[in-house]
């Protein structure tokens, strides 16, 4: 049912300094007794934290494990409630604290954000702490689920390792499946989002989703995606690490049909408005 791909590329500033990519992402299909779908996680390690690459990977792994354990207990995505999401975030926070102790450092050195998406047959759940964004699409129109979190100052955000992280956890539950979605770290925000209207930049996503729908083997897109993320036009806009996760359960024909129907509805509404004005 699902096609997906996830890739990360180190930012030019890290390449110059010799630092590793501090982003991480994981995508896991699930097929349980009561539901089936996809779990997606993306994390951006804080640039100022020495072990944040460890933190981002651990955050994604723990998130996937916590959600999978929930779904394997004969529950569905529709059963997810905000308190479950908060419990998973507590699990991740605890795992990061334990890892910091094992590494002989403080949790702050594993600081990272988290984007989490869970899509089932009849429902979807999303959670976020920090910057980056989750964008969902019906095949015709994209929208961000949350707006990237920032504090009082530029280049400031919230992390899972913060002592009061719980108050910054955002969640959204939908009583419907999601045909397509993307998760990306803050290195792509200026390309993928329109800040003046707080919307998704449609021309950024539509070609990417189209390529994924058409692919017979999504892994054949791995090299082109890495080349895109490391290309001059992208690097001219950001020197940060960049991670992009794409997933679709649409074919290209299905998406084109959705687009035609959406365009027809807009045309019908516009005609009605003209008639009313007359």
Protein backbone atom coordinates (compact mmCIF):
# COMPACT_ATOMS: atom_id res chain seq x y z
CA UNK A 1 0.00 0.00 0.00
CA UNK A 2 2.72 2.47 0.94
CA UNK A 3 5.76 3.79 -0.89
CA UNK A 4 8.27 5.75 1.16
CA UNK A 5 11.80 7.08 1.18
CA UNK A 6 13.90 8.94 3.75
CA UNK A 7 17.32 10.52 3.29
CA UNK A 8 19.64 12.85 5.20
CA UNK A 9 22.54 14.98 3.98
CA UNK A 10 25.06 16.85 6.12
CA UNK A 11 24.97 20.61 5.80
CA UNK A 12 27.84 22.51 4.19
CA UNK A 13 28.83 23.99 7.55
CA UNK A 14 29.27 20.47 8.93
CA UNK A 15 31.16 19.35 5.85
CA UNK A 16 33.62 22.20 6.31
CA UNK A 17 34.10 21.51 10.02
CA UNK A 18 34.19 17.72 9.57
CA UNK A 19 31.15 17.24 11.82
CA UNK A 20 28.78 14.36 11.20
CA UNK A 21 25.17 14.77 10.10
CA UNK A 22 23.11 15.23 13.28
CA UNK A 23 19.73 14.41 11.68
CA UNK A 24 18.05 11.01 11.76
CA UNK A 25 14.86 9.46 10.40
CA UNK A 26 13.11 6.09 10.39
CA UNK A 27 10.04 4.76 8.55
CA UNK A 28 8.40 1.47 9.60
CA UNK A 29 5.32 -0.20 8.09
CA UNK A 30 3.11 -2.01 10.58
CA UNK A 31 0.50 -4.72 10.07
CA UNK A 32 -1.25 -5.70 13.28
CA UNK A 33 -4.43 -7.60 14.02
CA UNK A 34 -6.53 -4.44 14.22
CA UNK A 35 -4.81 -1.99 11.87
CA UNK A 36 -2.09 -1.46 9.30
CA UNK A 37 -0.15 1.54 8.08
CA UNK A 38 3.06 3.47 8.56
CA UNK A 39 5.07 4.98 11.42
CA UNK A 40 7.46 7.82 10.55
CA UNK A 41 9.93 9.67 12.75
CA UNK A 42 12.41 12.47 12.06
CA UNK A 43 14.79 14.14 14.51
CA UNK A 44 17.26 17.02 14.28
CA UNK A 45 20.15 17.03 16.73
CA UNK A 46 21.06 20.41 18.20
CA UNK A 47 24.11 21.84 16.44
CA UNK A 48 25.65 22.95 19.73
CA UNK A 49 25.27 19.51 21.39
CA UNK A 50 28.30 17.21 21.08
CA UNK A 51 26.36 13.91 21.05
CA UNK A 52 23.20 15.10 19.32
CA UNK A 53 23.64 12.65 16.44
CA UNK A 54 23.32 9.89 19.06
CA UNK A 55 20.29 11.64 20.53
CA UNK A 56 18.43 12.08 17.23
CA UNK A 57 18.88 8.42 16.27
CA UNK A 58 17.84 7.21 19.72
CA UNK A 59 14.79 9.50 19.73
CA UNK A 60 13.54 8.06 16.43
CA UNK A 61 14.22 4.46 17.44
CA UNK A 62 12.49 4.84 20.81
CA UNK A 63 9.49 6.59 19.22
CA UNK A 64 9.04 3.79 16.67
CA UNK A 65 9.39 1.14 19.39
CA UNK A 66 6.88 2.84 21.71
CA UNK A 67 4.25 3.24 19.00
CA UNK A 68 4.75 -0.32 17.72
CA UNK A 69 4.36 -1.72 21.23
CA UNK A 70 1.06 0.19 21.57
CA UNK A 71 -0.30 -1.06 18.24
CA UNK A 72 0.71 -4.65 18.88
CA UNK A 73 -1.57 -4.74 21.93
CA UNK A 74 -4.67 -5.08 19.69
CA UNK A 75 -5.15 -1.33 19.39
CA UNK A 76 -5.47 0.91 16.35
CA UNK A 77 -4.28 4.36 15.35
CA UNK A 78 -7.82 5.57 16.11
CA UNK A 79 -7.27 4.52 19.75
CA UNK A 80 -4.33 6.92 20.19
CA UNK A 81 -5.03 9.72 22.64
CA UNK A 82 -2.92 12.74 23.69
CA UNK A 83 -1.93 11.02 26.94
CA UNK A 84 -0.46 8.11 24.93
CA UNK A 85 1.65 10.51 22.90
CA UNK A 86 2.84 12.25 26.05
CA UNK A 87 3.78 8.87 27.55
CA UNK A 88 5.85 8.07 24.45
CA UNK A 89 7.61 11.42 24.72
CA UNK A 90 8.39 10.64 28.36
CA UNK A 91 9.85 7.29 27.27
CA UNK A 92 12.10 9.09 24.77
CA UNK A 93 13.14 11.70 27.32
CA UNK A 94 14.06 8.93 29.76
CA UNK A 95 16.00 7.02 27.08
CA UNK A 96 17.99 10.16 26.24
CA UNK A 97 18.76 10.75 29.92
CA UNK A 98 19.92 7.14 30.36
CA UNK A 99 22.10 7.37 27.25
CA UNK A 100 23.67 10.59 28.49
CA UNK A 101 24.59 8.90 31.76
CA UNK A 102 26.15 5.96 29.88
CA UNK A 103 28.16 8.40 27.73
CA UNK A 104 29.32 10.25 30.84
CA UNK A 105 27.70 13.50 29.80
CA UNK A 106 24.57 15.57 30.39
CA UNK A 107 21.22 15.15 28.59
CA UNK A 108 21.78 18.55 26.99
CA UNK A 109 24.60 17.05 24.89
CA UNK A 110 22.02 14.71 23.27
CA UNK A 111 19.52 17.50 22.61
CA UNK A 112 17.21 16.86 19.67
CA UNK A 113 13.78 17.61 18.22
CA UNK A 114 11.19 15.05 17.11
CA UNK A 115 8.55 14.80 14.39
CA UNK A 116 6.28 11.76 14.61
CA UNK A 117 3.57 10.56 12.24
CA UNK A 118 1.38 7.45 12.54
CA UNK A 119 -1.05 6.69 9.71
CA UNK A 120 -3.52 3.80 9.91
CA UNK A 121 -6.42 2.58 7.81
CA UNK A 122 -8.97 5.02 9.24
CA UNK A 123 -7.04 7.47 11.39
CA UNK A 124 -3.78 9.37 11.77
CA UNK A 125 -1.85 10.81 14.71
CA UNK A 126 0.93 13.39 14.73
CA UNK A 127 3.26 14.83 17.35
CA UNK A 128 6.06 17.37 17.35
CA UNK A 129 8.49 19.05 19.66
CA UNK A 130 10.89 21.57 18.17
CA UNK A 131 11.32 22.89 14.65
CA UNK A 132 11.08 21.19 11.28
CA UNK A 133 7.60 20.27 10.05
CA UNK A 134 5.14 17.56 9.07
CA UNK A 135 3.19 18.25 5.89
CA UNK A 136 0.17 16.17 4.86
CA UNK A 137 -1.48 16.05 1.46
CA UNK A 138 -4.74 14.72 0.03
CA UNK A 139 -3.05 14.40 -3.36
CA UNK A 140 -4.05 17.91 -4.43
CA UNK A 141 -3.29 20.29 -1.55
CA UNK A 142 -0.57 20.18 1.11
CA UNK A 143 -0.72 21.68 4.59
CA UNK A 144 1.59 21.71 7.62
CA UNK A 145 0.19 19.90 10.64
CA UNK A 146 2.07 22.18 13.06
CA UNK A 147 4.13 25.28 12.53
CA UNK A 148 7.83 24.93 13.49
CA UNK A 149 8.37 25.81 17.13
CA UNK A 150 10.67 28.66 18.00
CA UNK A 151 11.22 30.61 21.16
CA UNK A 152 11.80 34.29 21.75
CA UNK A 153 15.01 34.35 19.72
CA UNK A 154 15.99 33.49 16.15
CA UNK A 155 17.51 30.01 15.67
CA UNK A 156 16.06 28.91 19.01
CA UNK A 157 13.77 25.92 19.44
CA UNK A 158 12.71 23.32 22.01
CA UNK A 159 14.22 19.88 22.59
CA UNK A 160 13.17 16.56 24.06
CA UNK A 161 15.94 16.84 26.62
CA UNK A 162 14.58 20.09 28.09
CA UNK A 163 13.56 19.70 31.74
CA UNK A 164 10.07 21.04 31.00
CA UNK A 165 9.73 19.41 27.56
CA UNK A 166 6.17 18.19 28.23
CA UNK A 167 4.65 21.65 27.89
CA UNK A 168 6.06 21.97 24.36
CA UNK A 169 4.67 18.69 22.98
CA UNK A 170 2.12 19.27 20.23
CA UNK A 171 -0.27 16.59 18.97
CA UNK A 172 -3.06 16.29 16.42
CA UNK A 173 -5.41 13.35 15.92
CA UNK A 174 -7.38 12.85 12.70
CA UNK A 175 -10.36 10.53 12.24
CA UNK A 176 -9.26 9.75 8.67
CA UNK A 177 -6.29 8.27 6.90
CA UNK A 178 -3.71 10.49 5.17
CA UNK A 179 -2.85 9.67 1.53
CA UNK A 180 0.54 11.42 1.50
CA UNK A 181 2.87 13.06 3.97
CA UNK A 182 6.35 14.51 4.36
CA UNK A 183 8.55 15.10 7.39
CA UNK A 184 11.60 17.35 7.20
CA UNK A 185 14.17 18.92 9.49
CA UNK A 186 14.57 22.68 9.83
CA UNK A 187 17.28 22.77 7.15
CA UNK A 188 14.48 22.63 4.54
CA UNK A 189 12.03 25.01 6.17
CA UNK A 190 12.81 28.03 4.01
CA UNK A 191 12.27 25.98 0.84
CA UNK A 192 9.25 23.94 1.91
CA UNK A 193 7.21 26.52 3.84
CA UNK A 194 5.78 29.96 3.06
CA UNK A 195 6.33 32.04 6.16
CA UNK A 196 4.11 34.96 5.15
CA UNK A 197 1.01 32.76 5.00
CA UNK A 198 2.14 29.90 7.24
CA UNK A 199 1.39 27.38 4.52
CA UNK A 200 3.22 24.62 2.66
CA UNK A 201 4.97 25.62 -0.57
CA UNK A 202 3.05 23.44 -3.04
CA UNK A 203 5.65 23.59 -5.89
CA UNK A 204 8.24 22.11 -3.53
CA UNK A 205 6.19 19.02 -2.66
CA UNK A 206 4.17 18.15 -5.74
CA UNK A 207 7.10 17.06 -7.98
CA UNK A 208 8.56 15.01 -5.13
CA UNK A 209 5.29 13.21 -4.40
CA UNK A 210 4.74 12.65 -8.13
CA UNK A 211 8.16 11.02 -8.53
CA UNK A 212 7.47 8.74 -5.56
CA UNK A 213 4.04 7.72 -6.88
CA UNK A 214 5.52 6.81 -10.28
CA UNK A 215 8.45 4.82 -8.90
CA UNK A 216 8.32 1.03 -9.02
CA UNK A 217 11.16 0.85 -6.48
CA UNK A 218 11.38 3.93 -4.21
CA UNK A 219 14.98 3.08 -3.28
CA UNK A 220 15.94 3.98 -6.84
CA UNK A 221 15.14 7.55 -5.80
CA UNK A 222 17.69 7.49 -2.96
CA UNK A 223 20.63 8.87 -4.95
CA UNK A 224 18.57 11.53 -6.76
CA UNK A 225 17.12 12.66 -3.43
CA UNK A 226 20.56 12.92 -1.83
CA UNK A 227 21.79 14.85 -4.87
CA UNK A 228 18.82 17.19 -4.56
CA UNK A 229 19.36 17.76 -0.82
CA UNK A 230 23.05 18.48 -1.45
CA UNK A 231 22.55 20.59 -4.59
CA UNK A 232 23.74 24.18 -4.97
CA UNK A 233 20.21 25.71 -5.06
CA UNK A 234 19.42 24.05 -1.72
CA UNK A 235 22.80 24.82 -0.16
CA UNK A 236 22.48 28.44 -1.26
CA UNK A 237 19.47 28.68 1.07
CA UNK A 238 20.84 26.76 4.05
CA UNK A 239 24.12 25.38 5.40
CA UNK A 240 22.32 23.14 7.92
CA UNK A 241 21.79 19.36 7.83
CA UNK A 242 18.79 18.38 5.74
CA UNK A 243 16.45 15.41 6.15
CA UNK A 244 13.41 14.63 4.02
CA UNK A 245 10.92 11.79 4.54
CA UNK A 246 8.26 11.17 1.89
CA UNK A 247 5.43 8.64 1.92
CA UNK A 248 2.42 8.02 -0.30
CA UNK A 249 -0.32 5.44 -0.71
CA UNK A 250 -1.53 7.00 -3.96
CA UNK A 251 -0.78 6.13 -7.55
CA UNK A 252 -0.18 8.95 -10.00
CA UNK A 253 -3.57 8.25 -11.61
CA UNK A 254 -5.33 8.53 -8.25
CA UNK A 255 -3.60 11.83 -7.50
CA UNK A 256 -4.51 13.27 -10.91
CA UNK A 257 -8.13 12.28 -10.38
CA UNK A 258 -8.14 13.96 -6.95
CA UNK A 259 -6.63 17.08 -8.51
CA UNK A 260 -9.26 17.19 -11.26
CA UNK A 261 -12.09 16.78 -8.77
CA UNK A 262 -10.61 19.49 -6.51
CA UNK A 263 -10.30 21.85 -9.48
CA UNK A 264 -13.91 21.10 -10.46
CA UNK A 265 -15.14 21.90 -6.97
CA UNK A 266 -13.28 25.23 -6.99
CA UNK A 267 -14.73 26.08 -10.41
CA UNK A 268 -18.24 25.13 -9.21
CA UNK A 269 -17.90 27.28 -6.09
CA UNK A 270 -16.58 30.21 -8.10
CA UNK A 271 -19.55 29.99 -10.49
CA UNK A 272 -21.98 29.95 -7.57
CA UNK A 273 -20.33 33.05 -6.10
CA UNK A 274 -20.59 34.86 -9.43
CA UNK A 275 -24.28 33.94 -9.70
CA UNK A 276 -24.93 35.18 -6.17
CA UNK A 277 -23.18 38.48 -6.88
CA UNK A 278 -25.30 38.96 -10.00
